[in-house]
PDB file of N, CA and C in Angstrom:
ATOM      1  N   MET A   1     -12.847   7.301  -5.581  1.00  0.00           N
ATOM      2  CA  MET A   1     -11.625   7.428  -4.821  1.00  0.00           C
ATOM      3  C   MET A   1     -10.740   8.484  -5.470  1.00  0.00           C
ATOM      4  N   GLU A   2      -9.938   9.102  -4.615  1.00  0.00           N
ATOM      5  CA  GLU A   2      -8.995  10.097  -5.095  1.00  0.00           C
ATOM      6  C   GLU A   2      -7.621   9.779  -4.511  1.00  0.00           C
ATOM      7  N   LEU A   3      -6.611   9.807  -5.363  1.00  0.00           N
ATOM      8  CA  LEU A   3      -5.236   9.572  -4.936  1.00  0.00           C
ATOM      9  C   LEU A   3      -4.475  10.884  -5.023  1.00  0.00           C
ATOM     10  N   TRP A   4      -4.027  11.380  -3.867  1.00  0.00           N
ATOM     11  CA  TRP A   4      -3.155  12.539  -3.862  1.00  0.00           C
ATOM     12  C   TRP A   4      -1.776  12.023  -4.226  1.00  0.00           C
ATOM     13  N   HIS A   5      -1.281  12.469  -5.360  1.00  0.00           N
ATOM     14  CA  HIS A   5      -0.133  11.851  -5.998  1.00  0.00           C
ATOM     15  C   HIS A   5       0.911  12.887  -6.397  1.00  0.00           C
ATOM     16  N   ASN A   6       2.172  12.504  -6.227  1.00  0.00           N
ATOM     17  CA  ASN A   6       3.297  13.286  -6.730  1.00  0.00           C
ATOM     18  C   ASN A   6       4.082  12.357  -7.647  1.00  0.00           C
ATOM     19  N   PRO A   7       4.044  12.568  -8.959  1.00  0.00           N
ATOM     20  CA  PRO A   7       4.710  11.660  -9.887  1.00  0.00           C
ATOM     21  C   PRO A   7       6.226  11.583  -9.718  1.00  0.00           C
ATOM     22  N   ARG A   8       6.826  12.518  -9.006  1.00  0.00           N
ATOM     23  CA  ARG A   8       8.275  12.470  -8.774  1.00  0.00           C
ATOM     24  C   ARG A   8       8.641  11.566  -7.609  1.00  0.00           C
ATOM     25  N   CYS A   9       7.655  11.102  -6.861  1.00  0.00           N
ATOM     26  CA  CYS A   9       7.877  10.277  -5.673  1.00  0.00           C
ATOM     27  C   CYS A   9       7.712   8.799  -6.029  1.00  0.00           C
ATOM     28  N   SER A  10       8.718   7.991  -5.740  1.00  0.00           N
ATOM     29  CA  SER A  10       8.654   6.566  -6.090  1.00  0.00           C
ATOM     30  C   SER A  10       7.544   5.845  -5.333  1.00  0.00           C
ATOM     31  N   LYS A  11       7.324   6.165  -4.075  1.00  0.00           N
ATOM     32  CA  LYS A  11       6.261   5.512  -3.290  1.00  0.00           C
ATOM     33  C   LYS A  11       4.894   5.868  -3.863  1.00  0.00           C
ATOM     34  N   SER A  12       4.741   7.101  -4.271  1.00  0.00           N
ATOM     35  CA  SER A  12       3.493   7.546  -4.862  1.00  0.00           C
ATOM     36  C   SER A  12       3.245   6.835  -6.195  1.00  0.00           C
ATOM     37  N   ARG A  13       4.290   6.713  -6.999  1.00  0.00           N
ATOM     38  CA  ARG A  13       4.166   5.997  -8.279  1.00  0.00           C
ATOM     39  C   ARG A  13       3.826   4.528  -8.047  1.00  0.00           C
ATOM     40  N   GLN A  14       4.403   3.930  -7.018  1.00  0.00           N
ATOM     41  CA  GLN A  14       4.108   2.526  -6.714  1.00  0.00           C
ATOM     42  C   GLN A  14       2.649   2.348  -6.299  1.00  0.00           C
ATOM     43  N   ALA A  15       2.129   3.253  -5.486  1.00  0.00           N
ATOM     44  CA  ALA A  15       0.726   3.181  -5.071  1.00  0.00           C
ATOM     45  C   ALA A  15      -0.191   3.328  -6.276  1.00  0.00           C
ATOM     46  N   LEU A  16       0.115   4.270  -7.154  1.00  0.00           N
ATOM     47  CA  LEU A  16      -0.674   4.480  -8.361  1.00  0.00           C
ATOM     48  C   LEU A  16      -0.669   3.204  -9.216  1.00  0.00           C
ATOM     49  N   ALA A  17       0.489   2.580  -9.370  1.00  0.00           N
ATOM     50  CA  ALA A  17       0.593   1.347 -10.158  1.00  0.00           C
ATOM     51  C   ALA A  17      -0.220   0.223  -9.541  1.00  0.00           C
ATOM     52  N   LEU A  18      -0.213   0.110  -8.221  1.00  0.00           N
ATOM     53  CA  LEU A  18      -0.999  -0.930  -7.556  1.00  0.00           C
ATOM     54  C   LEU A  18      -2.485  -0.770  -7.845  1.00  0.00           C
ATOM     55  N   LEU A  19      -2.969   0.457  -7.797  1.00  0.00           N
ATOM     56  CA  LEU A  19      -4.384   0.714  -8.083  1.00  0.00           C
ATOM     57  C   LEU A  19      -4.698   0.424  -9.551  1.00  0.00           C
ATOM     58  N   GLU A  20      -3.827   0.859 -10.441  1.00  0.00           N
ATOM     59  CA  GLU A  20      -4.048   0.621 -11.876  1.00  0.00           C
ATOM     60  C   GLU A  20      -4.013  -0.865 -12.206  1.00  0.00           C
ATOM     61  N   GLU A  21      -3.085  -1.603 -11.603  1.00  0.00           N
ATOM     62  CA  GLU A  21      -2.984  -3.045 -11.850  1.00  0.00           C
ATOM     63  C   GLU A  21      -4.259  -3.778 -11.456  1.00  0.00           C
ATOM     64  N   ARG A  22      -4.959  -3.262 -10.457  1.00  0.00           N
ATOM     65  CA  ARG A  22      -6.185  -3.894  -9.976  1.00  0.00           C
ATOM     66  C   ARG A  22      -7.432  -3.325 -10.649  1.00  0.00           C
ATOM     67  N   GLY A  23      -7.248  -2.422 -11.577  1.00  0.00           N
ATOM     68  CA  GLY A  23      -8.369  -1.859 -12.306  1.00  0.00           C
ATOM     69  C   GLY A  23      -9.272  -0.983 -11.470  1.00  0.00           C
ATOM     70  N   VAL A  24      -8.721  -0.373 -10.437  1.00  0.00           N
ATOM     71  CA  VAL A  24      -9.501   0.474  -9.530  1.00  0.00           C
ATOM     72  C   VAL A  24      -9.796   1.809 -10.215  1.00  0.00           C
ATOM     73  N   ALA A  25     -11.047   2.231 -10.122  1.00  0.00           N
ATOM     74  CA  ALA A  25     -11.432   3.548 -10.646  1.00  0.00           C
ATOM     75  C   ALA A  25     -11.082   4.593  -9.582  1.00  0.00           C
ATOM     76  N   PHE A  26     -10.258   5.553  -9.958  1.00  0.00           N
ATOM     77  CA  PHE A  26      -9.875   6.611  -9.031  1.00  0.00           C
ATOM     78  C   PHE A  26      -9.487   7.853  -9.822  1.00  0.00           C
ATOM     79  N   HIS A  27      -9.535   8.966  -9.119  1.00  0.00           N
ATOM     80  CA  HIS A  27      -9.098  10.241  -9.701  1.00  0.00           C
ATOM     81  C   HIS A  27      -7.685  10.509  -9.198  1.00  0.00           C
ATOM     82  N   GLU A  28      -6.773  10.758 -10.093  1.00  0.00           N
ATOM     83  CA  GLU A  28      -5.400  11.104  -9.730  1.00  0.00           C
ATOM     84  C   GLU A  28      -5.321  12.612  -9.537  1.00  0.00           C
ATOM     85  N   ARG A  29      -5.016  13.009  -8.337  1.00  0.00           N
ATOM     86  CA  ARG A  29      -4.875  14.434  -8.039  1.00  0.00           C
ATOM     87  C   ARG A  29      -3.403  14.739  -7.792  1.00  0.00           C
ATOM     88  N   ARG A  30      -2.839  15.489  -8.662  1.00  0.00           N
ATOM     89  CA  ARG A  30      -1.458  15.933  -8.479  1.00  0.00           C
ATOM     90  C   ARG A  30      -1.514  17.134  -7.557  1.00  0.00           C
ATOM     91  N   TYR A  31      -1.433  16.829  -6.278  1.00  0.00           N
ATOM     92  CA  TYR A  31      -1.736  17.832  -5.262  1.00  0.00           C
ATOM     93  C   TYR A  31      -0.727  18.990  -5.208  1.00  0.00           C
ATOM     94  N   LEU A  32       0.422  18.834  -5.842  1.00  0.00           N
ATOM     95  CA  LEU A  32       1.336  19.974  -5.911  1.00  0.00           C
ATOM     96  C   LEU A  32       0.847  20.995  -6.934  1.00  0.00           C
ATOM     97  N   ASP A  33       0.145  20.516  -7.963  1.00  0.00           N
ATOM     98  CA  ASP A  33      -0.440  21.397  -8.972  1.00  0.00           C
ATOM     99  C   ASP A  33      -1.822  21.903  -8.559  1.00  0.00           C
ATOM    100  N   ASP A  34      -2.510  21.100  -7.737  1.00  0.00           N
ATOM    101  CA  ASP A  34      -3.862  21.402  -7.278  1.00  0.00           C
ATOM    102  C   ASP A  34      -3.899  21.217  -5.761  1.00  0.00           C
ATOM    103  N   PRO A  35      -3.259  22.143  -5.021  1.00  0.00           N
ATOM    104  CA  PRO A  35      -3.131  21.951  -3.575  1.00  0.00           C
ATOM    105  C   PRO A  35      -4.465  22.056  -2.838  1.00  0.00           C
ATOM    106  N   PRO A  36      -4.608  21.251  -1.796  1.00  0.00           N
ATOM    107  CA  PRO A  36      -5.833  21.330  -0.996  1.00  0.00           C
ATOM    108  C   PRO A  36      -5.845  22.561  -0.109  1.00  0.00           C
ATOM    109  N   ALA A  37      -7.021  23.079   0.105  1.00  0.00           N
ATOM    110  CA  ALA A  37      -7.199  24.191   1.048  1.00  0.00           C
ATOM    111  C   ALA A  37      -7.168  23.629   2.468  1.00  0.00           C
ATOM    112  N   ALA A  38      -7.014  24.501   3.435  1.00  0.00           N
ATOM    113  CA  ALA A  38      -6.944  24.073   4.835  1.00  0.00           C
ATOM    114  C   ALA A  38      -8.182  23.280   5.245  1.00  0.00           C
ATOM    115  N   ALA A  39      -9.359  23.700   4.806  1.00  0.00           N
ATOM    116  CA  ALA A  39     -10.592  22.983   5.166  1.00  0.00           C
ATOM    117  C   ALA A  39     -10.603  21.567   4.580  1.00  0.00           C
ATOM    118  N   GLU A  40     -10.102  21.434   3.370  1.00  0.00           N
ATOM    119  CA  GLU A  40     -10.028  20.104   2.754  1.00  0.00           C
ATOM    120  C   GLU A  40      -9.009  19.239   3.487  1.00  0.00           C
ATOM    121  N   LEU A  41      -7.898  19.813   3.856  1.00  0.00           N
ATOM    122  CA  LEU A  41      -6.906  19.084   4.647  1.00  0.00           C
ATOM    123  C   LEU A  41      -7.501  18.619   5.969  1.00  0.00           C
ATOM    124  N   GLU A  42      -8.274  19.486   6.580  1.00  0.00           N
ATOM    125  CA  GLU A  42      -8.934  19.150   7.849  1.00  0.00           C
ATOM    126  C   GLU A  42      -9.803  17.899   7.686  1.00  0.00           C
ATOM    127  N   ALA A  43     -10.573  17.832   6.608  1.00  0.00           N
ATOM    128  CA  ALA A  43     -11.446  16.682   6.360  1.00  0.00           C
ATOM    129  C   ALA A  43     -10.631  15.410   6.115  1.00  0.00           C
ATOM    130  N   VAL A  44      -9.555  15.533   5.359  1.00  0.00           N
ATOM    131  CA  VAL A  44      -8.715  14.364   5.079  1.00  0.00           C
ATOM    132  C   VAL A  44      -8.021  13.893   6.356  1.00  0.00           C
ATOM    133  N   LEU A  45      -7.557  14.819   7.163  1.00  0.00           N
ATOM    134  CA  LEU A  45      -6.934  14.441   8.426  1.00  0.00           C
ATOM    135  C   LEU A  45      -7.926  13.737   9.352  1.00  0.00           C
ATOM    136  N   ALA A  46      -9.168  14.179   9.341  1.00  0.00           N
ATOM    137  CA  ALA A  46     -10.194  13.501  10.140  1.00  0.00           C
ATOM    138  C   ALA A  46     -10.381  12.068   9.649  1.00  0.00           C
ATOM    139  N   ALA A  47     -10.399  11.884   8.331  1.00  0.00           N
ATOM    140  CA  ALA A  47     -10.538  10.543   7.769  1.00  0.00           C
ATOM    141  C   ALA A  47      -9.324   9.681   8.104  1.00  0.00           C
ATOM    142  N   LEU A  48      -8.153  10.297   8.126  1.00  0.00           N
ATOM    143  CA  LEU A  48      -6.923   9.573   8.464  1.00  0.00           C
ATOM    144  C   LEU A  48      -6.787   9.325   9.964  1.00  0.00           C
ATOM    145  N   LYS A  49      -7.546  10.096  10.752  1.00  0.00           N
ATOM    146  CA  LYS A  49      -7.423  10.084  12.212  1.00  0.00           C
ATOM    147  C   LYS A  49      -5.989  10.462  12.608  1.00  0.00           C
ATOM    148  N   MET A  50      -5.518  11.530  11.978  1.00  0.00           N
ATOM    149  CA  MET A  50      -4.155  12.012  12.204  1.00  0.00           C
ATOM    150  C   MET A  50      -4.157  13.519  12.408  1.00  0.00           C
ATOM    151  N   GLU A  51      -3.065  13.998  12.937  1.00  0.00           N
ATOM    152  CA  GLU A  51      -2.847  15.425  13.121  1.00  0.00           C
ATOM    153  C   GLU A  51      -1.979  15.941  11.974  1.00  0.00           C
ATOM    154  N   PRO A  52      -2.011  17.250  11.697  1.00  0.00           N
ATOM    155  CA  PRO A  52      -1.230  17.783  10.580  1.00  0.00           C
ATOM    156  C   PRO A  52       0.270  17.487  10.686  1.00  0.00           C
ATOM    157  N   TRP A  53       0.809  17.569  11.878  1.00  0.00           N
ATOM    158  CA  TRP A  53       2.246  17.317  12.060  1.00  0.00           C
ATOM    159  C   TRP A  53       2.601  15.849  11.827  1.00  0.00           C
ATOM    160  N   GLU A  54       1.595  14.962  11.849  1.00  0.00           N
ATOM    161  CA  GLU A  54       1.852  13.538  11.595  1.00  0.00           C
ATOM    162  C   GLU A  54       1.942  13.212  10.104  1.00  0.00           C
ATOM    163  N   VAL A  55       1.478  14.114   9.256  1.00  0.00           N
ATOM    164  CA  VAL A  55       1.561  13.895   7.804  1.00  0.00           C
ATOM    165  C   VAL A  55       2.526  14.878   7.147  1.00  0.00           C
ATOM    166  N   ALA A  56       3.286  15.582   7.964  1.00  0.00           N
ATOM    167  CA  ALA A  56       4.222  16.578   7.431  1.00  0.00           C
ATOM    168  C   ALA A  56       5.557  15.924   7.091  1.00  0.00           C
ATOM    169  N   ARG A  57       6.094  16.309   5.962  1.00  0.00           N
ATOM    170  CA  ARG A  57       7.400  15.837   5.503  1.00  0.00           C
ATOM    171  C   ARG A  57       8.462  16.798   6.057  1.00  0.00           C
ATOM    172  N   LEU A  58       8.990  16.450   7.202  1.00  0.00           N
ATOM    173  CA  LEU A  58       9.903  17.337   7.907  1.00  0.00           C
ATOM    174  C   LEU A  58      11.287  17.414   7.269  1.00  0.00           C
ATOM    175  N   GLY A  59      11.590  16.518   6.333  1.00  0.00           N
ATOM    176  CA  GLY A  59      12.879  16.549   5.663  1.00  0.00           C
ATOM    177  C   GLY A  59      12.935  17.480   4.465  1.00  0.00           C
ATOM    178  N   GLU A  60      11.805  18.036   4.079  1.00  0.00           N
ATOM    179  CA  GLU A  60      11.780  18.949   2.934  1.00  0.00           C
ATOM    180  C   GLU A  60      12.511  20.253   3.285  1.00  0.00           C
ATOM    181  N   PRO A  61      13.205  20.850   2.313  1.00  0.00           N
ATOM    182  CA  PRO A  61      13.902  22.118   2.583  1.00  0.00           C
ATOM    183  C   PRO A  61      12.998  23.195   3.192  1.00  0.00           C
ATOM    184  N   VAL A  62      11.775  23.302   2.712  1.00  0.00           N
ATOM    185  CA  VAL A  62      10.868  24.330   3.254  1.00  0.00           C
ATOM    186  C   VAL A  62      10.526  24.028   4.715  1.00  0.00           C
ATOM    187  N   ALA A  63      10.499  22.777   5.102  1.00  0.00           N
ATOM    188  CA  ALA A  63      10.244  22.427   6.506  1.00  0.00           C
ATOM    189  C   ALA A  63      11.378  22.942   7.386  1.00  0.00           C
ATOM    190  N   ARG A  64      12.593  22.811   6.888  1.00  0.00           N
ATOM    191  CA  ARG A  64      13.745  23.328   7.648  1.00  0.00           C
ATOM    192  C   ARG A  64      13.697  24.855   7.704  1.00  0.00           C
ATOM    193  N   GLU A  65      13.337  25.483   6.579  1.00  0.00           N
ATOM    194  CA  GLU A  65      13.239  26.947   6.547  1.00  0.00           C
ATOM    195  C   GLU A  65      12.209  27.456   7.550  1.00  0.00           C
ATOM    196  N   LEU A  66      11.120  26.707   7.703  1.00  0.00           N
ATOM    197  CA  LEU A  66      10.041  27.091   8.613  1.00  0.00           C
ATOM    198  C   LEU A  66      10.258  26.598  10.042  1.00  0.00           C
ATOM    199  N   SER A  67      11.339  25.841  10.253  1.00  0.00           N
ATOM    200  CA  SER A  67      11.640  25.239  11.569  1.00  0.00           C
ATOM    201  C   SER A  67      10.465  24.425  12.089  1.00  0.00           C
ATOM    202  N   LEU A  68       9.887  23.617  11.206  1.00  0.00           N
ATOM    203  CA  LEU A  68       8.705  22.836  11.584  1.00  0.00           C
ATOM    204  C   LEU A  68       8.960  21.900  12.758  1.00  0.00           C
ATOM    205  N   LYS A  69      10.148  21.335  12.837  1.00  0.00           N
ATOM    206  CA  LYS A  69      10.436  20.419  13.949  1.00  0.00           C
ATOM    207  C   LYS A  69      10.263  21.091  15.300  1.00  0.00           C
ATOM    208  N   ASP A  70      10.480  22.389  15.351  1.00  0.00           N
ATOM    209  CA  ASP A  70      10.398  23.137  16.606  1.00  0.00           C
ATOM    210  C   ASP A  70       9.074  23.868  16.783  1.00  0.00           C
ATOM    211  N   LEU A  71       8.204  23.805  15.774  1.00  0.00           N
ATOM    212  CA  LEU A  71       6.942  24.538  15.825  1.00  0.00           C
ATOM    213  C   LEU A  71       5.965  23.867  16.787  1.00  0.00           C
ATOM    214  N   PRO A  72       5.360  24.628  17.699  1.00  0.00           N
ATOM    215  CA  PRO A  72       4.356  24.042  18.598  1.00  0.00           C
ATOM    216  C   PRO A  72       3.216  23.404  17.796  1.00  0.00           C
ATOM    217  N   HIS A  73       2.621  22.395  18.371  1.00  0.00           N
ATOM    218  CA  HIS A  73       1.545  21.664  17.693  1.00  0.00           C
ATOM    219  C   HIS A  73       0.218  22.416  17.793  1.00  0.00           C
ATOM    220  N   ASP A  74       0.175  23.529  17.107  1.00  0.00           N
ATOM    221  CA  ASP A  74      -1.027  24.342  16.981  1.00  0.00           C
ATOM    222  C   ASP A  74      -1.697  23.909  15.671  1.00  0.00           C
ATOM    223  N   ARG A  75      -2.807  23.207  15.787  1.00  0.00           N
ATOM    224  CA  ARG A  75      -3.461  22.600  14.622  1.00  0.00           C
ATOM    225  C   ARG A  75      -3.748  23.615  13.516  1.00  0.00           C
ATOM    226  N   ALA A  76      -4.320  24.745  13.867  1.00  0.00           N
ATOM    227  CA  ALA A  76      -4.673  25.758  12.861  1.00  0.00           C
ATOM    228  C   ALA A  76      -3.430  26.260  12.131  1.00  0.00           C
ATOM    229  N   ARG A  77      -2.373  26.502  12.845  1.00  0.00           N
ATOM    230  CA  ARG A  77      -1.127  26.985  12.230  1.00  0.00           C
ATOM    231  C   ARG A  77      -0.558  25.945  11.273  1.00  0.00           C
ATOM    232  N   TRP A  78      -0.547  24.671  11.698  1.00  0.00           N
ATOM    233  CA  TRP A  78      -0.024  23.600  10.851  1.00  0.00           C
ATOM    234  C   TRP A  78      -0.881  23.412   9.605  1.00  0.00           C
ATOM    235  N   LEU A  79      -2.193  23.489   9.749  1.00  0.00           N
ATOM    236  CA  LEU A  79      -3.078  23.364   8.583  1.00  0.00           C
ATOM    237  C   LEU A  79      -2.786  24.470   7.577  1.00  0.00           C
ATOM    238  N   THR A  80      -2.602  25.672   8.074  1.00  0.00           N
ATOM    239  CA  THR A  80      -2.290  26.801   7.192  1.00  0.00           C
ATOM    240  C   THR A  80      -0.978  26.564   6.463  1.00  0.00           C
ATOM    241  N   LEU A  81       0.032  26.125   7.181  1.00  0.00           N
ATOM    242  CA  LEU A  81       1.339  25.894   6.564  1.00  0.00           C
ATOM    243  C   LEU A  81       1.286  24.775   5.525  1.00  0.00           C
ATOM    244  N   LEU A  82       0.583  23.696   5.819  1.00  0.00           N
ATOM    245  CA  LEU A  82       0.466  22.604   4.850  1.00  0.00           C
ATOM    246  C   LEU A  82      -0.306  23.060   3.611  1.00  0.00           C
ATOM    247  N   ALA A  83      -1.319  23.887   3.812  1.00  0.00           N
ATOM    248  CA  ALA A  83      -2.082  24.401   2.667  1.00  0.00           C
ATOM    249  C   ALA A  83      -1.221  25.348   1.827  1.00  0.00           C
ATOM    250  N   GLN A  84      -0.376  26.108   2.466  1.00  0.00           N
ATOM    251  CA  GLN A  84       0.499  27.049   1.754  1.00  0.00           C
ATOM    252  C   GLN A  84       1.681  26.358   1.077  1.00  0.00           C
ATOM    253  N   HIS A  85       2.094  25.220   1.612  1.00  0.00           N
ATOM    254  CA  HIS A  85       3.279  24.500   1.126  1.00  0.00           C
ATOM    255  C   HIS A  85       2.917  23.026   0.959  1.00  0.00           C
ATOM    256  N   ALA A  86       2.189  22.712  -0.096  1.00  0.00           N
ATOM    257  CA  ALA A  86       1.689  21.346  -0.305  1.00  0.00           C
ATOM    258  C   ALA A  86       2.804  20.310  -0.363  1.00  0.00           C
ATOM    259  N   ILE A  87       4.018  20.713  -0.704  1.00  0.00           N
ATOM    260  CA  ILE A  87       5.148  19.783  -0.762  1.00  0.00           C
ATOM    261  C   ILE A  87       5.385  19.144   0.609  1.00  0.00           C
ATOM    262  N   LEU A  88       4.891  19.773   1.664  1.00  0.00           N
ATOM    263  CA  LEU A  88       5.066  19.250   3.012  1.00  0.00           C
ATOM    264  C   LEU A  88       4.131  18.085   3.334  1.00  0.00           C
ATOM    265  N   ILE A  89       3.118  17.872   2.508  1.00  0.00           N
ATOM    266  CA  ILE A  89       2.134  16.811   2.786  1.00  0.00           C
ATOM    267  C   ILE A  89       2.687  15.474   2.329  1.00  0.00           C
ATOM    268  N   GLU A  90       2.666  14.509   3.235  1.00  0.00           N
ATOM    269  CA  GLU A  90       3.114  13.151   2.905  1.00  0.00           C
ATOM    270  C   GLU A  90       2.268  12.602   1.772  1.00  0.00           C
ATOM    271  N   ARG A  91       2.878  11.770   0.975  1.00  0.00           N
ATOM    272  CA  ARG A  91       2.170  11.172  -0.156  1.00  0.00           C
ATOM    273  C   ARG A  91       2.606   9.740  -0.298  1.00  0.00           C
ATOM    274  N   PRO A  92       1.788   8.970  -0.950  1.00  0.00           N
ATOM    275  CA  PRO A  92       0.461   9.258  -1.485  1.00  0.00           C
ATOM    276  C   PRO A  92      -0.600   9.138  -0.392  1.00  0.00           C
ATOM    277  N   ILE A  93      -1.730   9.761  -0.642  1.00  0.00           N
ATOM    278  CA  ILE A  93      -2.897   9.605   0.236  1.00  0.00           C
ATOM    279  C   ILE A  93      -4.057   9.169  -0.646  1.00  0.00           C
ATOM    280  N   LEU A  94      -4.701   8.063  -0.261  1.00  0.00           N
ATOM    281  CA  LEU A  94      -5.886   7.589  -0.967  1.00  0.00           C
ATOM    282  C   LEU A  94      -7.097   7.916  -0.108  1.00  0.00           C
ATOM    283  N   ILE A  95      -8.101   8.539  -0.734  1.00  0.00           N
ATOM    284  CA  ILE A  95      -9.315   8.974  -0.043  1.00  0.00           C
ATOM    285  C   ILE A  95     -10.497   8.330  -0.749  1.00  0.00           C
ATOM    286  N   THR A  96     -11.369   7.698   0.021  1.00  0.00           N
ATOM    287  CA  THR A  96     -12.543   7.056  -0.560  1.00  0.00           C
ATOM    288  C   THR A  96     -13.750   7.988  -0.485  1.00  0.00           C
ATOM    289  N   GLY A  97     -14.770   7.667  -1.250  1.00  0.00           N
ATOM    290  CA  GLY A  97     -15.996   8.454  -1.244  1.00  0.00           C
ATOM    291  C   GLY A  97     -16.798   8.304   0.028  1.00  0.00           C
ATOM    292  N   ASP A  98     -16.509   7.256   0.815  1.00  0.00           N
ATOM    293  CA  ASP A  98     -17.269   7.028   2.044  1.00  0.00           C
ATOM    294  C   ASP A  98     -16.557   7.543   3.294  1.00  0.00           C
ATOM    295  N   GLY A  99     -15.546   8.401   3.091  1.00  0.00           N
ATOM    296  CA  GLY A  99     -14.929   9.068   4.226  1.00  0.00           C
ATOM    297  C   GLY A  99     -13.753   8.352   4.866  1.00  0.00           C
ATOM    298  N   ARG A 100     -13.162   7.403   4.182  1.00  0.00           N
ATOM    299  CA  ARG A 100     -11.969   6.740   4.702  1.00  0.00           C
ATOM    300  C   ARG A 100     -10.753   7.243   3.930  1.00  0.00           C
ATOM    301  N   ALA A 101      -9.599   7.131   4.557  1.00  0.00           N
ATOM    302  CA  ALA A 101      -8.366   7.562   3.894  1.00  0.00           C
ATOM    303  C   ALA A 101      -7.195   6.813   4.503  1.00  0.00           C
ATOM    304  N   VAL A 102      -6.108   6.750   3.735  1.00  0.00           N
ATOM    305  CA  VAL A 102      -4.891   6.115   4.213  1.00  0.00           C
ATOM    306  C   VAL A 102      -3.698   6.768   3.530  1.00  0.00           C
ATOM    307  N   VAL A 103      -2.615   6.904   4.291  1.00  0.00           N
ATOM    308  CA  VAL A 103      -1.345   7.334   3.717  1.00  0.00           C
ATOM    309  C   VAL A 103      -0.661   6.070   3.208  1.00  0.00           C
ATOM    310  N   GLY A 104      -0.279   6.075   1.952  1.00  0.00           N
ATOM    311  CA  GLY A 104       0.321   4.903   1.320  1.00  0.00           C
ATOM    312  C   GLY A 104       1.793   4.754   1.609  1.00  0.00           C
ATOM    313  N   ARG A 105       2.141   4.625   2.856  1.00  0.00           N
ATOM    314  CA  ARG A 105       3.514   4.380   3.291  1.00  0.00           C
ATOM    315  C   ARG A 105       3.510   3.168   4.192  1.00  0.00           C
ATOM    316  N   PRO A 106       3.824   2.011   3.722  1.00  0.00           N
ATOM    317  CA  PRO A 106       4.280   1.660   2.389  1.00  0.00           C
ATOM    318  C   PRO A 106       3.120   1.718   1.385  1.00  0.00           C
ATOM    319  N   PRO A 107       3.430   1.738   0.094  1.00  0.00           N
ATOM    320  CA  PRO A 107       2.401   1.886  -0.931  1.00  0.00           C
ATOM    321  C   PRO A 107       1.282   0.851  -0.849  1.00  0.00           C
ATOM    322  N   GLU A 108       1.581  -0.340  -0.380  1.00  0.00           N
ATOM    323  CA  GLU A 108       0.579  -1.409  -0.288  1.00  0.00           C
ATOM    324  C   GLU A 108      -0.570  -1.064   0.647  1.00  0.00           C
ATOM    325  N   LEU A 109      -0.386  -0.093   1.508  1.00  0.00           N
ATOM    326  CA  LEU A 109      -1.470   0.306   2.419  1.00  0.00           C
ATOM    327  C   LEU A 109      -2.687   0.834   1.669  1.00  0.00           C
ATOM    328  N   VAL A 110      -2.504   1.349   0.454  1.00  0.00           N
ATOM    329  CA  VAL A 110      -3.672   1.824  -0.305  1.00  0.00           C
ATOM    330  C   VAL A 110      -4.628   0.680  -0.585  1.00  0.00           C
ATOM    331  N   LEU A 111      -4.116  -0.530  -0.659  1.00  0.00           N
ATOM    332  CA  LEU A 111      -4.964  -1.682  -0.947  1.00  0.00           C
ATOM    333  C   LEU A 111      -5.940  -1.965   0.190  1.00  0.00           C
ATOM    334  N   SER A 112      -5.628  -1.503   1.388  1.00  0.00           N
ATOM    335  CA  SER A 112      -6.497  -1.756   2.542  1.00  0.00           C
ATOM    336  C   SER A 112      -7.863  -1.090   2.405  1.00  0.00           C
ATOM    337  N   LEU A 113      -7.992  -0.101   1.535  1.00  0.00           N
ATOM    338  CA  LEU A 113      -9.262   0.582   1.342  1.00  0.00           C
ATOM    339  C   LEU A 113     -10.098  -0.013   0.210  1.00  0.00           C
ATOM    340  N   LEU A 114      -9.542  -1.007  -0.471  1.00  0.00           N
ATOM    341  CA  LEU A 114     -10.267  -1.618  -1.582  1.00  0.00           C
ATOM    342  C   LEU A 114     -11.245  -2.652  -1.063  1.00  0.00           C
ATOM    343  N   PRO A 115     -12.394  -2.775  -1.719  1.00  0.00           N
ATOM    344  CA  PRO A 115     -13.361  -3.789  -1.310  1.00  0.00           C
ATOM    345  C   PRO A 115     -12.754  -5.193  -1.392  1.00  0.00           C
ATOM    346  N   GLY A 116     -13.068  -6.002  -0.405  1.00  0.00           N
ATOM    347  CA  GLY A 116     -12.616  -7.397  -0.415  1.00  0.00           C
ATOM    348  C   GLY A 116     -11.190  -7.603   0.026  1.00  0.00           C
ATOM    349  N   VAL A 117     -10.545  -6.540   0.552  1.00  0.00           N
ATOM    350  CA  VAL A 117      -9.154  -6.687   1.002  1.00  0.00           C
ATOM    351  C   VAL A 117      -9.117  -6.687   2.516  1.00  0.00           C
TER     352      VAL A 117
END
């Protein structure tokens, strides 16, 4: 499993703590330091069954600068923007090795991907 994590985000820290408390083996990816490429975002969005605009943080200053709220829902354009500005990607996101993923909002949602939950 891989957790896309931003240590400055309280929800992300809570999700990380939930996984650690349960002894779950996972890779912590600080996606602001190691941003995903558009193709990787595409795969994660498929696992989430979501569109790029559904995982975009529209309250971020860069979102306002880019006028994301008014941007047409052109998937390729949104993927490019999220890849260029990783801060726009909602967090945390937990991705399993078997192709499932969940946005941890609320953080307890990450537990839904654990075996036996």
